Amino acid sequence: MLSTTEARTLVNDLFEQQALVVGGLLATHALDDDFVWRLMRSLDAIRTRTIRHLGNGPEAGGPDLPDELTVHRHPAVEEFLSKLRRDRP
């Protein structure tokens, strides 16, 4: 069985991969800016509810990890990834 910290890490890793997929699609396809912001906010809301359900809600602060890619991502994707990385235990 996973500890709460391990489950939280798993959830954040999953959503990070989803954000990277969205970012990759945005790099090759033009999408409406409002659509992208709504999508990323929706993903963040799902992630936050899932973390809270684990009984260990998001904490403020934490290290900001460097980007793995040098591709320019949409600002909504960057914001979401930044939240994920700050929330890591």
Protein backbone atom coordinates (compact mmCIF):
# COMPACT_ATOMS: atom_id res chain seq x y z
CA MET A 1 0.00 0.00 0.00
CA LEU A 2 1.22 3.51 -0.82
CA SER A 3 1.83 6.07 1.87
CA THR A 4 0.05 9.41 1.55
CA THR A 5 3.29 11.03 0.40
CA GLU A 6 3.87 8.35 -2.24
CA ALA A 7 0.27 8.64 -3.47
CA ARG A 8 0.58 12.43 -3.63
CA THR A 9 3.80 12.13 -5.62
CA LEU A 10 2.13 9.66 -7.99
CA VAL A 11 -0.83 11.99 -8.58
CA ASN A 12 1.45 14.99 -9.22
CA ASP A 13 3.66 12.96 -11.58
CA LEU A 14 0.58 11.84 -13.52
CA PHE A 15 -0.69 15.39 -13.92
CA GLU A 16 2.77 16.62 -14.89
CA GLN A 17 2.83 14.09 -17.72
CA GLN A 18 -0.63 15.24 -18.81
CA ALA A 19 0.52 18.87 -18.83
CA LEU A 20 3.53 17.93 -20.93
CA VAL A 21 1.24 16.19 -23.43
CA VAL A 22 -0.93 19.30 -23.66
CA GLY A 23 2.20 21.43 -24.05
CA GLY A 24 3.45 19.19 -26.86
CA LEU A 25 0.13 19.47 -28.67
CA LEU A 26 0.20 23.24 -28.29
CA ALA A 27 3.68 23.34 -29.80
CA THR A 28 2.32 21.84 -33.03
CA HIS A 29 -1.32 23.00 -33.10
CA ALA A 30 -2.85 26.42 -32.65
CA LEU A 31 -5.59 26.42 -30.03
CA ASP A 32 -7.65 29.24 -28.59
CA ASP A 33 -5.85 30.79 -25.60
CA ASP A 34 -9.02 30.82 -23.48
CA PHE A 35 -9.51 27.11 -24.19
CA VAL A 36 -5.99 26.30 -22.99
CA TRP A 37 -6.40 28.30 -19.76
CA ARG A 38 -9.73 26.60 -19.03
CA LEU A 39 -8.26 23.17 -19.72
CA MET A 40 -5.28 23.72 -17.44
CA ARG A 41 -7.43 25.19 -14.65
CA SER A 42 -9.74 22.19 -14.93
CA LEU A 43 -6.82 19.77 -14.69
CA ASP A 44 -5.49 21.68 -11.68
CA ALA A 45 -8.91 21.55 -9.98
CA ILE A 46 -9.05 17.76 -10.49
CA ARG A 47 -5.51 17.38 -9.17
CA THR A 48 -6.22 19.56 -6.10
CA ARG A 49 -9.40 17.63 -5.25
CA THR A 50 -7.53 14.35 -5.59
CA ILE A 51 -4.71 15.52 -3.30
CA ARG A 52 -7.23 16.77 -0.73
CA HIS A 53 -9.03 13.43 -0.91
CA LEU A 54 -5.76 11.80 0.14
CA GLY A 55 -5.95 13.87 3.32
CA ASN A 56 -2.78 15.82 2.70
CA GLY A 57 -3.69 19.01 0.86
CA PRO A 58 -1.29 21.19 -1.13
CA GLU A 59 1.25 23.11 0.91
CA ALA A 60 2.68 26.49 0.02
CA GLY A 61 6.24 26.85 -1.15
CA GLY A 62 8.76 24.17 -1.99
CA PRO A 63 11.62 23.97 -4.45
CA ASP A 64 11.11 25.09 -8.04
CA LEU A 65 12.55 22.36 -10.23
CA PRO A 66 14.28 23.21 -13.53
CA ASP A 67 12.48 22.58 -16.81
CA GLU A 68 13.42 19.35 -18.58
CA LEU A 69 12.68 20.82 -22.01
CA THR A 70 13.77 24.04 -23.64
CA VAL A 71 10.55 24.22 -25.68
CA HIS A 72 8.48 27.34 -25.02
CA ARG A 73 5.29 26.15 -23.40
CA HIS A 74 1.99 27.95 -23.18
CA PRO A 75 1.85 30.15 -20.06
CA ALA A 76 -1.10 28.14 -18.70
CA VAL A 77 0.92 24.94 -18.95
CA GLU A 78 3.92 26.62 -17.33
CA GLU A 79 1.76 27.86 -14.45
CA PHE A 80 0.32 24.38 -13.90
CA LEU A 81 3.74 22.72 -13.98
CA SER A 82 5.07 25.30 -11.55
CA LYS A 83 2.24 24.48 -9.12
CA LEU A 84 2.99 20.79 -9.41
CA ARG A 85 6.66 21.28 -8.75
CA ARG A 86 6.10 23.56 -5.74
CA ASP A 87 3.71 20.99 -4.29
CA ARG A 88 6.19 18.12 -4.31
CA PRO A 89 6.98 16.74 -0.85
